[in-house]
Amino acid sequence: MKIKNCLKILSVVGLFCAPSVAQANDNFDKTADIEILRALTIREDEPLNFGVIDLPGANGVKVQIDTNGNILTPSNPATHIDTTNLSEGEYTISGSDSSSISITARDLATYSDISFDSMHASYGNGTATDLMDGTGLTNLAAPTSSGPNLGTKLKIGAVLNVAANTPEASYAPAFQLNIDYQ
């Protein structure tokens, strides 16, 4: 009798402890993310042009143009011979009007005797800021993408170092603009 009662108890306990044969299906609905933006584009309206300078001599010189195309006088300034084509760089940036942008620049070091010391830019009607300082322009308003004034103006001025005894020639020092959505 003790064995019978024990088997009955084990049978009842087994009913409550036994795993269920039928299991519920686990369905998890998930989503993926995508953002669609108009690609950023930049159009050169006016190239950055430092004009024509005299030979730099034994000390080298600096040539500086501000974001309005004015010649400034840095330390050890160059002597301009012809300023006919002198101009700040002027560009139009277009893209999505719903995302802010950032802009930085770097010297591409196309010549060993000529290099950019700094590059200042104003976006829209903003204050000129150095693009080569590691920070550049950040949290800028989105470029205009509709209406009669498609795009937002970017004006660039710079300081160019011309090393001592740089030979007489025409040069085209290169720089890279990096424009990104934030």
Protein backbone atom coordinates (compact mmCIF):
# COMPACT_ATOMS: atom_id res chain seq x y z
CA MET A 1 0.00 0.00 0.00
CA LYS A 2 2.79 2.36 0.70
CA ILE A 3 4.21 1.71 -2.74
CA LYS A 4 0.83 2.29 -4.39
CA ASN A 5 0.33 5.63 -2.60
CA CYS A 6 3.85 6.66 -3.46
CA LEU A 7 3.28 5.88 -7.15
CA LYS A 8 0.03 7.86 -7.12
CA ILE A 9 1.78 10.85 -5.57
CA LEU A 10 4.62 10.66 -8.13
CA SER A 11 2.09 10.40 -10.93
CA VAL A 12 0.22 13.50 -9.75
CA VAL A 13 3.48 15.46 -9.24
CA GLY A 14 4.64 14.36 -12.68
CA LEU A 15 1.53 15.85 -14.27
CA PHE A 16 2.32 19.27 -12.85
CA CYS A 17 6.05 19.14 -13.61
CA ALA A 18 6.03 17.59 -17.06
CA PRO A 19 6.86 19.94 -19.94
CA SER A 20 4.02 20.81 -22.24
CA VAL A 21 4.15 19.13 -25.62
CA ALA A 22 2.40 22.00 -27.44
CA GLN A 23 4.49 25.24 -27.43
CA ALA A 24 3.43 28.72 -28.52
CA ASN A 25 5.23 30.22 -31.52
CA ASP A 26 7.37 33.27 -30.77
CA ASN A 27 6.93 35.85 -33.56
CA PHE A 28 8.92 39.04 -33.38
CA ASP A 29 8.09 41.79 -35.85
CA LYS A 30 11.14 43.97 -36.46
CA THR A 31 11.87 47.05 -38.56
CA ALA A 32 14.87 48.26 -40.51
CA ASP A 33 15.97 51.89 -40.74
CA ILE A 34 16.60 53.91 -43.89
CA GLU A 35 16.97 57.63 -44.47
CA ILE A 36 16.73 59.14 -47.92
CA LEU A 37 18.54 62.43 -48.55
CA ARG A 38 19.39 64.41 -51.63
CA ALA A 39 23.14 64.01 -52.33
CA LEU A 40 25.33 66.96 -51.40
CA THR A 41 26.80 68.73 -54.42
CA ILE A 42 29.18 71.63 -54.75
CA ARG A 43 29.53 73.86 -57.79
CA GLU A 44 32.48 76.20 -58.30
CA ASP A 45 31.16 79.64 -59.23
CA GLU A 46 34.48 81.51 -58.93
CA PRO A 47 37.92 79.88 -58.42
CA LEU A 48 40.19 80.97 -55.58
CA ASN A 49 42.83 83.13 -57.30
CA PHE A 50 45.76 84.80 -55.55
CA GLY A 51 46.73 86.96 -58.54
CA VAL A 52 50.30 87.45 -59.74
CA ILE A 53 53.07 88.08 -57.20
CA ASP A 54 56.71 89.08 -57.46
CA LEU A 55 59.39 86.40 -56.95
CA PRO A 56 59.52 85.61 -53.23
CA GLY A 57 63.28 86.11 -52.73
CA ALA A 58 65.33 84.59 -49.93
CA ASN A 59 62.72 84.77 -47.15
CA GLY A 60 59.59 83.40 -48.80
CA VAL A 61 56.26 85.23 -48.56
CA LYS A 62 52.62 84.84 -47.58
CA VAL A 63 49.68 85.76 -49.79
CA GLN A 64 46.34 86.31 -48.09
CA ILE A 65 42.86 86.87 -49.51
CA ASP A 66 39.77 87.20 -47.32
CA THR A 67 36.31 85.74 -48.04
CA ASN A 68 35.37 88.97 -49.86
CA GLY A 69 38.33 88.88 -52.27
CA ASN A 70 40.36 91.56 -50.46
CA ILE A 71 44.15 91.32 -50.20
CA LEU A 72 45.19 91.26 -46.55
CA THR A 73 48.68 91.91 -45.19
CA PRO A 74 50.01 88.90 -43.26
CA SER A 75 53.51 88.84 -41.81
CA ASN A 76 56.06 88.89 -44.63
CA PRO A 77 53.49 89.72 -47.34
CA ALA A 78 53.95 89.12 -51.06
CA THR A 79 54.16 92.02 -53.49
CA HIS A 80 51.33 91.84 -56.01
CA ILE A 81 52.16 92.65 -59.63
CA ASP A 82 48.71 91.98 -61.08
CA THR A 83 45.40 91.67 -59.22
CA THR A 84 43.12 91.51 -62.28
CA ASN A 85 42.00 87.92 -61.66
CA LEU A 86 42.29 88.02 -57.87
CA SER A 87 39.20 86.51 -56.21
CA GLU A 88 37.94 84.62 -53.22
CA GLY A 89 36.72 81.12 -54.02
CA GLU A 90 32.95 81.07 -54.36
CA TYR A 91 30.94 77.86 -54.41
CA THR A 92 27.29 76.82 -54.23
CA ILE A 93 26.37 73.88 -52.00
CA SER A 94 23.11 72.03 -52.66
CA GLY A 95 21.53 69.09 -50.88
CA SER A 96 18.75 68.14 -48.52
CA ASP A 97 17.09 71.05 -46.76
CA SER A 98 16.33 68.84 -43.75
CA SER A 99 19.85 68.03 -42.49
CA SER A 100 22.60 70.24 -41.16
CA ILE A 101 26.10 70.01 -42.65
CA SER A 102 29.74 70.43 -41.67
CA ILE A 103 32.62 71.68 -43.81
CA THR A 104 36.37 71.15 -43.39
CA ALA A 105 39.33 71.49 -45.76
CA ARG A 106 42.86 70.24 -46.15
CA ASP A 107 45.88 71.12 -48.24
CA LEU A 108 46.63 68.42 -50.82
CA ALA A 109 50.32 69.44 -50.86
CA THR A 110 50.65 69.50 -54.64
CA TYR A 111 53.90 71.53 -54.43
CA SER A 112 56.76 71.41 -51.97
CA ASP A 113 57.33 75.19 -52.26
CA ILE A 114 53.70 76.34 -51.95
CA SER A 115 51.23 75.38 -49.24
CA PHE A 116 48.06 76.58 -47.57
CA ASP A 117 48.67 78.01 -44.11
CA SER A 118 44.97 78.43 -43.35
CA MET A 119 41.67 78.57 -45.20
CA HIS A 120 38.73 80.62 -44.00
CA ALA A 121 35.18 80.23 -45.22
CA SER A 122 31.82 81.86 -44.69
CA TYR A 123 28.67 79.85 -45.35
CA GLY A 124 25.55 81.77 -46.28
CA ASN A 125 26.13 85.12 -44.61
CA GLY A 126 28.00 83.62 -41.67
CA THR A 127 31.27 84.62 -40.04
CA ALA A 128 34.50 83.42 -41.64
CA THR A 129 35.95 80.42 -39.82
CA ASP A 130 39.16 78.44 -40.43
CA LEU A 131 38.36 75.19 -42.25
CA MET A 132 41.80 73.68 -41.68
CA ASP A 133 41.94 73.94 -37.89
CA GLY A 134 40.54 70.45 -37.28
CA THR A 135 37.05 71.71 -36.47
CA GLY A 136 35.92 73.66 -39.51
CA LEU A 137 32.33 74.81 -39.82
CA THR A 138 29.83 72.62 -37.98
CA ASN A 139 26.07 72.54 -37.37
CA LEU A 140 25.41 74.65 -40.44
CA ALA A 141 21.89 75.14 -41.66
CA ALA A 142 20.86 72.79 -44.42
CA PRO A 143 21.55 74.10 -47.94
CA THR A 144 18.59 75.62 -49.76
CA SER A 145 17.13 72.98 -52.07
CA SER A 146 14.20 74.79 -53.66
CA GLY A 147 13.13 78.18 -54.92
CA PRO A 148 15.01 80.69 -57.07
CA ASN A 149 18.17 80.57 -54.92
CA LEU A 150 18.92 76.87 -55.18
CA GLY A 151 21.92 76.12 -52.97
CA THR A 152 23.78 78.09 -50.32
CA LYS A 153 26.91 80.15 -51.03
CA LEU A 154 30.28 79.21 -49.56
CA LYS A 155 33.03 81.83 -49.86
CA ILE A 156 36.65 80.90 -49.24
CA GLY A 157 39.72 83.01 -48.54
CA ALA A 158 43.14 81.66 -47.58
CA VAL A 159 46.73 82.28 -46.59
CA LEU A 160 49.21 80.75 -49.01
CA ASN A 161 52.86 80.20 -48.07
CA VAL A 162 55.33 80.59 -50.93
CA ALA A 163 58.78 79.29 -49.98
CA ALA A 164 62.04 81.18 -50.51
CA ASN A 165 63.37 81.16 -54.07
CA THR A 166 60.29 79.47 -55.56
CA PRO A 167 60.92 79.50 -59.32
CA GLU A 168 58.97 81.67 -61.72
CA ALA A 169 55.96 79.69 -63.07
CA SER A 170 52.18 79.35 -62.88
CA TYR A 171 51.03 77.19 -59.97
CA ALA A 172 47.71 75.65 -59.01
CA PRO A 173 47.94 74.48 -55.37
CA ALA A 174 45.14 72.02 -54.63
CA PHE A 175 42.92 71.71 -51.59
CA GLN A 176 40.10 69.38 -50.66
CA LEU A 177 36.73 70.47 -49.30
CA ASN A 178 34.93 67.91 -47.16
CA ILE A 179 31.20 68.58 -46.87
CA ASP A 180 29.18 66.10 -44.84
CA TYR A 181 25.71 65.74 -43.38
CA GLN A 182 25.73 65.71 -39.59
